[in-house]
């Protein structure tokens, strides 16, 4: 999408030239902080492994990876330093809540 935006800008403002005549690199850019496919595979494997060692459930590990990308490694650092952070902060509602 970013490449399409740049193409439109360059169509509208032809005096702007591409850097060194090259097309934008956004088509090859990975989201989530990954450098490339190999970095993605290695980092997600590391996130998964560290998450399992911290006894995080698989859904939490997936959430961290899909929401924070490579930054999930920094979140795992925080959890390792303060294990209480791995507790879910959702209030528990009893089965009888709201019943008389």
PDB file of N, CA and C in Angstrom:
ATOM      1  N   UNK A   1       0.820  -1.170   0.000  1.00  0.00           N
ATOM      2  CA  UNK A   1       0.000   0.000   0.000  1.00  0.00           C
ATOM      3  C   UNK A   1       0.879   1.254   0.000  1.00  0.00           C
ATOM      4  N   UNK A   2       1.957   1.250   0.764  1.00  0.00           N
ATOM      5  CA  UNK A   2       2.840   2.410   0.817  1.00  0.00           C
ATOM      6  C   UNK A   2       3.442   2.691  -0.555  1.00  0.00           C
ATOM      7  N   UNK A   3       3.755   1.633  -1.280  1.00  0.00           N
ATOM      8  CA  UNK A   3       4.311   1.827  -2.619  1.00  0.00           C
ATOM      9  C   UNK A   3       3.283   2.485  -3.532  1.00  0.00           C
ATOM     10  N   UNK A   4       2.022   2.109  -3.409  1.00  0.00           N
ATOM     11  CA  UNK A   4       0.966   2.728  -4.214  1.00  0.00           C
ATOM     12  C   UNK A   4       0.825   4.207  -3.872  1.00  0.00           C
ATOM     13  N   UNK A   5       0.917   4.543  -2.595  1.00  0.00           N
ATOM     14  CA  UNK A   5       0.846   5.948  -2.178  1.00  0.00           C
ATOM     15  C   UNK A   5       1.997   6.726  -2.798  1.00  0.00           C
ATOM     16  N   UNK A   6       3.201   6.168  -2.711  1.00  0.00           N
ATOM     17  CA  UNK A   6       4.359   6.856  -3.296  1.00  0.00           C
ATOM     18  C   UNK A   6       4.205   7.010  -4.801  1.00  0.00           C
ATOM     19  N   UNK A   7       3.693   5.998  -5.474  1.00  0.00           N
ATOM     20  CA  UNK A   7       3.481   6.095  -6.919  1.00  0.00           C
ATOM     21  C   UNK A   7       2.521   7.227  -7.248  1.00  0.00           C
ATOM     22  N   UNK A   8       1.450   7.362  -6.455  1.00  0.00           N
ATOM     23  CA  UNK A   8       0.476   8.452  -6.676  1.00  0.00           C
ATOM     24  C   UNK A   8       1.102   9.813  -6.433  1.00  0.00           C
ATOM     25  N   UNK A   9       1.901   9.919  -5.367  1.00  0.00           N
ATOM     26  CA  UNK A   9       2.568  11.193  -5.073  1.00  0.00           C
ATOM     27  C   UNK A   9       3.489  11.570  -6.218  1.00  0.00           C
ATOM     28  N   UNK A  10       4.242  10.598  -6.714  1.00  0.00           N
ATOM     29  CA  UNK A  10       5.184  10.878  -7.795  1.00  0.00           C
ATOM     30  C   UNK A  10       4.463  11.216  -9.102  1.00  0.00           C
ATOM     31  N   UNK A  11       3.279  10.659  -9.309  1.00  0.00           N
ATOM     32  CA  UNK A  11       2.485  11.020 -10.483  1.00  0.00           C
ATOM     33  C   UNK A  11       2.005  12.469 -10.380  1.00  0.00           C
ATOM     34  N   UNK A  12       1.586  12.833  -9.197  1.00  0.00           N
ATOM     35  CA  UNK A  12       1.034  14.180  -8.991  1.00  0.00           C
ATOM     36  C   UNK A  12       2.118  15.249  -8.947  1.00  0.00           C
ATOM     37  N   UNK A  13       3.276  14.888  -8.406  1.00  0.00           N
ATOM     38  CA  UNK A  13       4.394  15.830  -8.284  1.00  0.00           C
ATOM     39  C   UNK A  13       5.605  15.273  -9.028  1.00  0.00           C
ATOM     40  N   UNK A  14       5.615  15.402 -10.339  1.00  0.00           N
ATOM     41  CA  UNK A  14       6.684  14.789 -11.142  1.00  0.00           C
ATOM     42  C   UNK A  14       8.069  15.366 -10.881  1.00  0.00           C
ATOM     43  N   UNK A  15       8.159  16.537 -10.231  1.00  0.00           N
ATOM     44  CA  UNK A  15       9.478  17.110  -9.939  1.00  0.00           C
ATOM     45  C   UNK A  15      10.206  16.350  -8.842  1.00  0.00           C
ATOM     46  N   UNK A  16       9.454  15.580  -8.064  1.00  0.00           N
ATOM     47  CA  UNK A  16      10.087  14.763  -7.030  1.00  0.00           C
ATOM     48  C   UNK A  16      10.661  13.538  -7.722  1.00  0.00           C
ATOM     49  N   UNK A  17      11.895  13.249  -7.468  1.00  0.00           N
ATOM     50  CA  UNK A  17      12.507  12.068  -8.087  1.00  0.00           C
ATOM     51  C   UNK A  17      12.725  10.995  -7.042  1.00  0.00           C
ATOM     52  N   UNK A  18      12.751   9.788  -7.503  1.00  0.00           N
ATOM     53  CA  UNK A  18      13.032   8.668  -6.606  1.00  0.00           C
ATOM     54  C   UNK A  18      14.503   8.724  -6.199  1.00  0.00           C
ATOM     55  N   UNK A  19      14.770   8.259  -5.010  1.00  0.00           N
ATOM     56  CA  UNK A  19      16.147   8.231  -4.530  1.00  0.00           C
ATOM     57  C   UNK A  19      16.972   7.368  -5.464  1.00  0.00           C
ATOM     58  N   UNK A  20      17.995   7.949  -6.034  1.00  0.00           N
ATOM     59  CA  UNK A  20      18.898   7.241  -6.939  1.00  0.00           C
ATOM     60  C   UNK A  20      18.141   6.518  -8.053  1.00  0.00           C
ATOM     61  N   UNK A  21      16.945   7.021  -8.398  1.00  0.00           N
ATOM     62  CA  UNK A  21      16.183   6.419  -9.490  1.00  0.00           C
ATOM     63  C   UNK A  21      15.595   5.062  -9.162  1.00  0.00           C
ATOM     64  N   UNK A  22      15.657   4.650  -7.910  1.00  0.00           N
ATOM     65  CA  UNK A  22      15.146   3.332  -7.521  1.00  0.00           C
ATOM     66  C   UNK A  22      13.694   3.429  -7.077  1.00  0.00           C
ATOM     67  N   UNK A  23      12.990   2.331  -7.215  1.00  0.00           N
ATOM     68  CA  UNK A  23      11.626   2.252  -6.705  1.00  0.00           C
ATOM     69  C   UNK A  23      11.676   2.166  -5.185  1.00  0.00           C
ATOM     70  N   UNK A  24      10.560   2.444  -4.560  1.00  0.00           N
ATOM     71  CA  UNK A  24      10.519   2.360  -3.110  1.00  0.00           C
ATOM     72  C   UNK A  24      10.765   0.917  -2.679  1.00  0.00           C
ATOM     73  N   UNK A  25      11.265   0.768  -1.480  1.00  0.00           N
ATOM     74  CA  UNK A  25      11.579  -0.575  -0.980  1.00  0.00           C
ATOM     75  C   UNK A  25      10.468  -1.150  -0.131  1.00  0.00           C
ATOM     76  N   UNK A  26       9.334  -0.463  -0.056  1.00  0.00           N
ATOM     77  CA  UNK A  26       8.276  -0.911   0.834  1.00  0.00           C
ATOM     78  C   UNK A  26       7.710  -2.273   0.449  1.00  0.00           C
ATOM     79  N   UNK A  27       7.811  -2.624  -0.805  1.00  0.00           N
ATOM     80  CA  UNK A  27       7.284  -3.926  -1.230  1.00  0.00           C
ATOM     81  C   UNK A  27       8.044  -5.076  -0.569  1.00  0.00           C
ATOM     82  N   UNK A  28       9.317  -4.847  -0.269  1.00  0.00           N
ATOM     83  CA  UNK A  28      10.149  -5.883   0.347  1.00  0.00           C
ATOM     84  C   UNK A  28      10.239  -5.742   1.863  1.00  0.00           C
ATOM     85  N   UNK A  29       9.695  -4.659   2.415  1.00  0.00           N
ATOM     86  CA  UNK A  29       9.812  -4.381   3.833  1.00  0.00           C
ATOM     87  C   UNK A  29       8.833  -5.230   4.638  1.00  0.00           C
ATOM     88  N   UNK A  30       9.342  -5.900   5.657  1.00  0.00           N
ATOM     89  CA  UNK A  30       8.492  -6.721   6.510  1.00  0.00           C
ATOM     90  C   UNK A  30       8.003  -5.875   7.677  1.00  0.00           C
ATOM     91  N   UNK A  31       6.757  -6.055   8.040  1.00  0.00           N
ATOM     92  CA  UNK A  31       6.204  -5.379   9.193  1.00  0.00           C
ATOM     93  C   UNK A  31       6.554  -6.161  10.447  1.00  0.00           C
ATOM     94  N   UNK A  32       6.492  -5.530  11.579  1.00  0.00           N
ATOM     95  CA  UNK A  32       6.749  -6.216  12.838  1.00  0.00           C
ATOM     96  C   UNK A  32       8.198  -6.152  13.292  1.00  0.00           C
ATOM     97  N   UNK A  33       9.034  -5.424  12.566  1.00  0.00           N
ATOM     98  CA  UNK A  33      10.424  -5.290  12.976  1.00  0.00           C
ATOM     99  C   UNK A  33      11.348  -6.384  12.471  1.00  0.00           C
ATOM    100  N   UNK A  34      10.810  -7.307  11.696  1.00  0.00           N
ATOM    101  CA  UNK A  34      11.640  -8.399  11.174  1.00  0.00           C
ATOM    102  C   UNK A  34      12.516  -7.857  10.049  1.00  0.00           C
ATOM    103  N   UNK A  35      13.745  -8.307   9.987  1.00  0.00           N
ATOM    104  CA  UNK A  35      14.663  -7.869   8.935  1.00  0.00           C
ATOM    105  C   UNK A  35      14.379  -8.589   7.624  1.00  0.00           C
ATOM    106  N   UNK A  36      14.086  -9.865   7.724  1.00  0.00           N
ATOM    107  CA  UNK A  36      13.807 -10.687   6.545  1.00  0.00           C
ATOM    108  C   UNK A  36      13.137 -11.973   7.022  1.00  0.00           C
ATOM    109  N   UNK A  37      12.877 -12.877   6.095  1.00  0.00           N
ATOM    110  CA  UNK A  37      12.175 -14.113   6.444  1.00  0.00           C
ATOM    111  C   UNK A  37      12.954 -14.940   7.467  1.00  0.00           C
ATOM    112  N   UNK A  38      14.270 -15.006   7.303  1.00  0.00           N
ATOM    113  CA  UNK A  38      15.086 -15.785   8.232  1.00  0.00           C
ATOM    114  C   UNK A  38      15.033 -15.187   9.638  1.00  0.00           C
ATOM    115  N   UNK A  39      15.076 -13.856   9.719  1.00  0.00           N
ATOM    116  CA  UNK A  39      14.978 -13.187  11.010  1.00  0.00           C
ATOM    117  C   UNK A  39      13.617 -13.448  11.634  1.00  0.00           C
ATOM    118  N   UNK A  40      12.565 -13.400  10.823  1.00  0.00           N
ATOM    119  CA  UNK A  40      11.214 -13.692  11.305  1.00  0.00           C
ATOM    120  C   UNK A  40      11.147 -15.107  11.894  1.00  0.00           C
ATOM    121  N   UNK A  41      11.633 -16.080  11.142  1.00  0.00           N
ATOM    122  CA  UNK A  41      11.566 -17.474  11.594  1.00  0.00           C
ATOM    123  C   UNK A  41      12.389 -17.691  12.864  1.00  0.00           C
ATOM    124  N   UNK A  42      13.595 -17.139  12.910  1.00  0.00           N
ATOM    125  CA  UNK A  42      14.450 -17.312  14.086  1.00  0.00           C
ATOM    126  C   UNK A  42      13.857 -16.596  15.304  1.00  0.00           C
ATOM    127  N   UNK A  43      13.374 -15.383  15.099  1.00  0.00           N
ATOM    128  CA  UNK A  43      12.839 -14.599  16.215  1.00  0.00           C
ATOM    129  C   UNK A  43      11.543 -15.188  16.754  1.00  0.00           C
ATOM    130  N   UNK A  44      10.652 -15.608  15.880  1.00  0.00           N
ATOM    131  CA  UNK A  44       9.399 -16.190  16.369  1.00  0.00           C
ATOM    132  C   UNK A  44       9.655 -17.513  17.089  1.00  0.00           C
ATOM    133  N   UNK A  45      10.637 -18.272  16.639  1.00  0.00           N
ATOM    134  CA  UNK A  45      10.996 -19.504  17.347  1.00  0.00           C
ATOM    135  C   UNK A  45      11.541 -19.166  18.733  1.00  0.00           C
ATOM    136  N   UNK A  46      12.349 -18.113  18.820  1.00  0.00           N
ATOM    137  CA  UNK A  46      12.905 -17.696  20.110  1.00  0.00           C
ATOM    138  C   UNK A  46      11.802 -17.179  21.035  1.00  0.00           C
ATOM    139  N   UNK A  47      10.883 -16.387  20.491  1.00  0.00           N
ATOM    140  CA  UNK A  47       9.758 -15.882  21.290  1.00  0.00           C
ATOM    141  C   UNK A  47       8.943 -17.048  21.841  1.00  0.00           C
ATOM    142  N   UNK A  48       8.659 -18.007  20.984  1.00  0.00           N
ATOM    143  CA  UNK A  48       7.877 -19.169  21.390  1.00  0.00           C
ATOM    144  C   UNK A  48       8.598 -19.970  22.479  1.00  0.00           C
ATOM    145  N   UNK A  49       9.870 -20.209  22.286  1.00  0.00           N
ATOM    146  CA  UNK A  49      10.656 -20.982  23.243  1.00  0.00           C
ATOM    147  C   UNK A  49      10.730 -20.274  24.594  1.00  0.00           C
ATOM    148  N   UNK A  50      11.033 -18.991  24.572  1.00  0.00           N
ATOM    149  CA  UNK A  50      11.125 -18.233  25.825  1.00  0.00           C
ATOM    150  C   UNK A  50       9.760 -18.150  26.510  1.00  0.00           C
ATOM    151  N   UNK A  51       8.707 -17.982  25.733  1.00  0.00           N
ATOM    152  CA  UNK A  51       7.365 -17.929  26.302  1.00  0.00           C
ATOM    153  C   UNK A  51       6.991 -19.226  26.989  1.00  0.00           C
ATOM    154  N   UNK A  52       7.337 -20.357  26.360  1.00  0.00           N
ATOM    155  CA  UNK A  52       7.053 -21.663  26.976  1.00  0.00           C
ATOM    156  C   UNK A  52       7.841 -21.847  28.271  1.00  0.00           C
ATOM    157  N   UNK A  53       9.097 -21.403  28.280  1.00  0.00           N
ATOM    158  CA  UNK A  53       9.910 -21.510  29.504  1.00  0.00           C
ATOM    159  C   UNK A  53       9.329 -20.668  30.639  1.00  0.00           C
ATOM    160  N   UNK A  54       8.652 -19.576  30.270  1.00  0.00           N
ATOM    161  CA  UNK A  54       8.017 -18.727  31.268  1.00  0.00           C
ATOM    162  C   UNK A  54       6.616 -19.227  31.634  1.00  0.00           C
ATOM    163  N   UNK A  55       6.238 -20.363  31.056  1.00  0.00           N
ATOM    164  CA  UNK A  55       4.933 -20.994  31.294  1.00  0.00           C
ATOM    165  C   UNK A  55       3.761 -20.132  30.818  1.00  0.00           C
ATOM    166  N   UNK A  56       3.994 -19.362  29.757  1.00  0.00           N
ATOM    167  CA  UNK A  56       2.901 -18.602  29.143  1.00  0.00           C
ATOM    168  C   UNK A  56       2.091 -19.549  28.275  1.00  0.00           C
ATOM    169  N   UNK A  57       0.785 -19.345  28.240  1.00  0.00           N
ATOM    170  CA  UNK A  57      -0.020 -20.228  27.406  1.00  0.00           C
ATOM    171  C   UNK A  57       0.189 -19.865  25.930  1.00  0.00           C
ATOM    172  N   UNK A  58      -0.003 -20.824  25.024  1.00  0.00           N
ATOM    173  CA  UNK A  58       0.246 -20.591  23.598  1.00  0.00           C
ATOM    174  C   UNK A  58      -0.517 -19.391  23.025  1.00  0.00           C
ATOM    175  N   UNK A  59      -1.739 -19.160  23.487  1.00  0.00           N
ATOM    176  CA  UNK A  59      -2.512 -18.020  22.979  1.00  0.00           C
ATOM    177  C   UNK A  59      -1.838 -16.703  23.354  1.00  0.00           C
ATOM    178  N   UNK A  60      -1.262 -16.633  24.534  1.00  0.00           N
ATOM    179  CA  UNK A  60      -0.558 -15.420  24.965  1.00  0.00           C
ATOM    180  C   UNK A  60       0.692 -15.201  24.137  1.00  0.00           C
ATOM    181  N   UNK A  61       1.419 -16.274  23.881  1.00  0.00           N
ATOM    182  CA  UNK A  61       2.630 -16.179  23.059  1.00  0.00           C
ATOM    183  C   UNK A  61       2.258 -15.705  21.657  1.00  0.00           C
ATOM    184  N   UNK A  62       1.219 -16.272  21.084  1.00  0.00           N
ATOM    185  CA  UNK A  62       0.760 -15.849  19.748  1.00  0.00           C
ATOM    186  C   UNK A  62       0.338 -14.384  19.758  1.00  0.00           C
ATOM    187  N   UNK A  63      -0.366 -13.987  20.822  1.00  0.00           N
ATOM    188  CA  UNK A  63      -0.808 -12.593  20.935  1.00  0.00           C
ATOM    189  C   UNK A  63       0.389 -11.645  20.980  1.00  0.00           C
ATOM    190  N   UNK A  64       1.391 -11.974  21.785  1.00  0.00           N
ATOM    191  CA  UNK A  64       2.574 -11.132  21.881  1.00  0.00           C
ATOM    192  C   UNK A  64       3.263 -10.994  20.527  1.00  0.00           C
ATOM    193  N   UNK A  65       3.395 -12.118  19.828  1.00  0.00           N
ATOM    194  CA  UNK A  65       4.077 -12.098  18.538  1.00  0.00           C
ATOM    195  C   UNK A  65       3.286 -11.306  17.496  1.00  0.00           C
ATOM    196  N   UNK A  66       1.989 -11.568  17.408  1.00  0.00           N
ATOM    197  CA  UNK A  66       1.200 -10.904  16.370  1.00  0.00           C
ATOM    198  C   UNK A  66       0.951  -9.434  16.673  1.00  0.00           C
ATOM    199  N   UNK A  67       0.912  -9.066  17.943  1.00  0.00           N
ATOM    200  CA  UNK A  67       0.649  -7.676  18.310  1.00  0.00           C
ATOM    201  C   UNK A  67       1.919  -6.834  18.343  1.00  0.00           C
ATOM    202  N   UNK A  68       2.993  -7.388  18.877  1.00  0.00           N
ATOM    203  CA  UNK A  68       4.198  -6.602  19.102  1.00  0.00           C
ATOM    204  C   UNK A  68       5.354  -6.947  18.174  1.00  0.00           C
ATOM    205  N   UNK A  69       5.198  -7.975  17.353  1.00  0.00           N
ATOM    206  CA  UNK A  69       6.274  -8.342  16.442  1.00  0.00           C
ATOM    207  C   UNK A  69       7.531  -8.696  17.193  1.00  0.00           C
ATOM    208  N   UNK A  70       8.650  -8.262  16.671  1.00  0.00           N
ATOM    209  CA  UNK A  70       9.936  -8.585  17.279  1.00  0.00           C
ATOM    210  C   UNK A  70      10.090  -7.957  18.663  1.00  0.00           C
ATOM    211  N   UNK A  71       9.323  -6.896  18.936  1.00  0.00           N
ATOM    212  CA  UNK A  71       9.355  -6.256  20.250  1.00  0.00           C
ATOM    213  C   UNK A  71       8.854  -7.191  21.352  1.00  0.00           C
ATOM    214  N   UNK A  72       8.196  -8.290  20.985  1.00  0.00           N
ATOM    215  CA  UNK A  72       7.759  -9.270  21.976  1.00  0.00           C
ATOM    216  C   UNK A  72       8.950  -9.780  22.787  1.00  0.00           C
ATOM    217  N   UNK A  73      10.127  -9.800  22.187  1.00  0.00           N
ATOM    218  CA  UNK A  73      11.327 -10.214  22.928  1.00  0.00           C
ATOM    219  C   UNK A  73      11.583  -9.278  24.097  1.00  0.00           C
ATOM    220  N   UNK A  74      11.353  -7.986  23.912  1.00  0.00           N
ATOM    221  CA  UNK A  74      11.536  -7.020  25.003  1.00  0.00           C
ATOM    222  C   UNK A  74      10.485  -7.234  26.093  1.00  0.00           C
ATOM    223  N   UNK A  75       9.275  -7.576  25.693  1.00  0.00           N
ATOM    224  CA  UNK A  75       8.227  -7.849  26.676  1.00  0.00           C
ATOM    225  C   UNK A  75       8.587  -9.082  27.490  1.00  0.00           C
ATOM    226  N   UNK A  76       9.132 -10.100  26.830  1.00  0.00           N
ATOM    227  CA  UNK A  76       9.569 -11.296  27.557  1.00  0.00           C
ATOM    228  C   UNK A  76      10.691 -10.965  28.535  1.00  0.00           C
ATOM    229  N   UNK A  77      11.580 -10.030  28.161  1.00  0.00           N
ATOM    230  CA  UNK A  77      12.622  -9.573  29.091  1.00  0.00           C
ATOM    231  C   UNK A  77      11.989  -8.997  30.352  1.00  0.00           C
ATOM    232  N   UNK A  78      10.943  -8.186  30.164  1.00  0.00           N
ATOM    233  CA  UNK A  78      10.255  -7.585  31.309  1.00  0.00           C
ATOM    234  C   UNK A  78       9.605  -8.651  32.193  1.00  0.00           C
ATOM    235  N   UNK A  79       8.991  -9.649  31.547  1.00  0.00           N
ATOM    236  CA  UNK A  79       8.342 -10.723  32.297  1.00  0.00           C
ATOM    237  C   UNK A  79       9.378 -11.539  33.067  1.00  0.00           C
ATOM    238  N   UNK A  80      10.540 -11.790  32.456  1.00  0.00           N
ATOM    239  CA  UNK A  80      11.593 -12.529  33.153  1.00  0.00           C
ATOM    240  C   UNK A  80      12.088 -11.751  34.369  1.00  0.00           C
ATOM    241  N   UNK A  81      12.173 -10.436  34.241  1.00  0.00           N
ATOM    242  CA  UNK A  81      12.640  -9.608  35.353  1.00  0.00           C
ATOM    243  C   UNK A  81      11.580  -9.466  36.442  1.00  0.00           C
ATOM    244  N   UNK A  82      10.312  -9.500  36.052  1.00  0.00           N
ATOM    245  CA  UNK A  82       9.198  -9.347  36.997  1.00  0.00           C
ATOM    246  C   UNK A  82       8.135 -10.389  36.684  1.00  0.00           C
ATOM    247  N   UNK A  83       8.300 -11.616  37.174  1.00  0.00           N
ATOM    248  CA  UNK A  83       7.381 -12.705  36.831  1.00  0.00           C
ATOM    249  C   UNK A  83       5.905 -12.425  37.115  1.00  0.00           C
ATOM    250  N   UNK A  84       5.610 -11.506  38.025  1.00  0.00           N
ATOM    251  CA  UNK A  84       4.203 -11.195  38.304  1.00  0.00           C
ATOM    252  C   UNK A  84       3.504 -10.593  37.084  1.00  0.00           C
ATOM    253  N   UNK A  85       4.262 -10.124  36.127  1.00  0.00           N
ATOM    254  CA  UNK A  85       3.663  -9.555  34.917  1.00  0.00           C
ATOM    255  C   UNK A  85       2.976 -10.603  34.041  1.00  0.00           C
ATOM    256  N   UNK A  86       3.293 -11.864  34.235  1.00  0.00           N
ATOM    257  CA  UNK A  86       2.665 -12.878  33.390  1.00  0.00           C
ATOM    258  C   UNK A  86       1.252 -13.224  33.817  1.00  0.00           C
ATOM    259  N   UNK A  87       0.843 -12.732  34.980  1.00  0.00           N
ATOM    260  CA  UNK A  87      -0.536 -12.939  35.395  1.00  0.00           C
ATOM    261  C   UNK A  87      -1.453 -12.095  34.540  1.00  0.00           C
ATOM    262  N   UNK A  88      -2.561 -12.663  34.162  1.00  0.00           N
ATOM    263  CA  UNK A  88      -3.547 -11.905  33.399  1.00  0.00           C
ATOM    264  C   UNK A  88      -4.226 -10.918  34.326  1.00  0.00           C
ATOM    265  N   UNK A  89      -4.461  -9.744  33.837  1.00  0.00           N
ATOM    266  CA  UNK A  89      -5.064  -8.690  34.656  1.00  0.00           C
ATOM    267  C   UNK A  89      -6.554  -8.553  34.415  1.00  0.00           C
ATOM    268  N   UNK A  90      -7.192  -9.640  34.092  1.00  0.00           N
ATOM    269  CA  UNK A  90      -8.629  -9.627  33.866  1.00  0.00           C
ATOM    270  C   UNK A  90      -9.322  -9.947  35.185  1.00  0.00           C
ATOM    271  N   UNK A  91     -10.334  -9.166  35.558  1.00  0.00           N
ATOM    272  CA  UNK A  91     -11.056  -9.484  36.798  1.00  0.00           C
ATOM    273  C   UNK A  91     -11.803 -10.802  36.648  1.00  0.00           C
ATOM    274  N   UNK A  92     -11.792 -11.565  37.693  1.00  0.00           N
ATOM    275  CA  UNK A  92     -12.520 -12.833  37.671  1.00  0.00           C
ATOM    276  C   UNK A  92     -13.961 -12.581  38.056  1.00  0.00           C
ATOM    277  N   UNK A  93     -14.866 -13.138  37.290  1.00  0.00           N
ATOM    278  CA  UNK A  93     -16.288 -13.013  37.573  1.00  0.00           C
ATOM    279  C   UNK A  93     -16.797 -14.391  37.953  1.00  0.00           C
ATOM    280  N   UNK A  94     -17.366 -14.479  39.132  1.00  0.00           N
ATOM    281  CA  UNK A  94     -17.830 -15.782  39.579  1.00  0.00           C
ATOM    282  C   UNK A  94     -19.064 -16.188  38.777  1.00  0.00           C
ATOM    283  N   UNK A  95     -19.324 -17.473  38.791  1.00  0.00           N
ATOM    284  CA  UNK A  95     -20.494 -18.015  38.067  1.00  0.00           C
ATOM    285  C   UNK A  95     -21.800 -17.481  38.642  1.00  0.00           C
ATOM    286  N   UNK A  96     -21.739 -17.047  39.904  1.00  0.00           N
ATOM    287  CA  UNK A  96     -22.961 -16.573  40.568  1.00  0.00           C
ATOM    288  C   UNK A  96     -23.059 -15.049  40.572  1.00  0.00           C
ATOM    289  N   UNK A  97     -22.130 -14.390  39.915  1.00  0.00           N
ATOM    290  CA  UNK A  97     -22.126 -12.915  39.907  1.00  0.00           C
ATOM    291  C   UNK A  97     -23.420 -12.386  39.315  1.00  0.00           C
ATOM    292  N   UNK A  98     -24.044 -11.482  40.042  1.00  0.00           N
ATOM    293  CA  UNK A  98     -25.255 -10.858  39.535  1.00  0.00           C
ATOM    294  C   UNK A  98     -26.520 -11.631  39.851  1.00  0.00           C
ATOM    295  N   UNK A  99     -26.389 -12.802  40.463  1.00  0.00           N
ATOM    296  CA  UNK A  99     -27.578 -13.596  40.828  1.00  0.00           C
ATOM    297  C   UNK A  99     -27.888 -13.378  42.296  1.00  0.00           C
ATOM    298  N   UNK A 100     -29.156 -13.421  42.629  1.00  0.00           N
ATOM    299  CA  UNK A 100     -29.520 -13.270  44.031  1.00  0.00           C
ATOM    300  C   UNK A 100     -29.935 -14.580  44.652  1.00  0.00           C
TER     301      UNK A 100
END
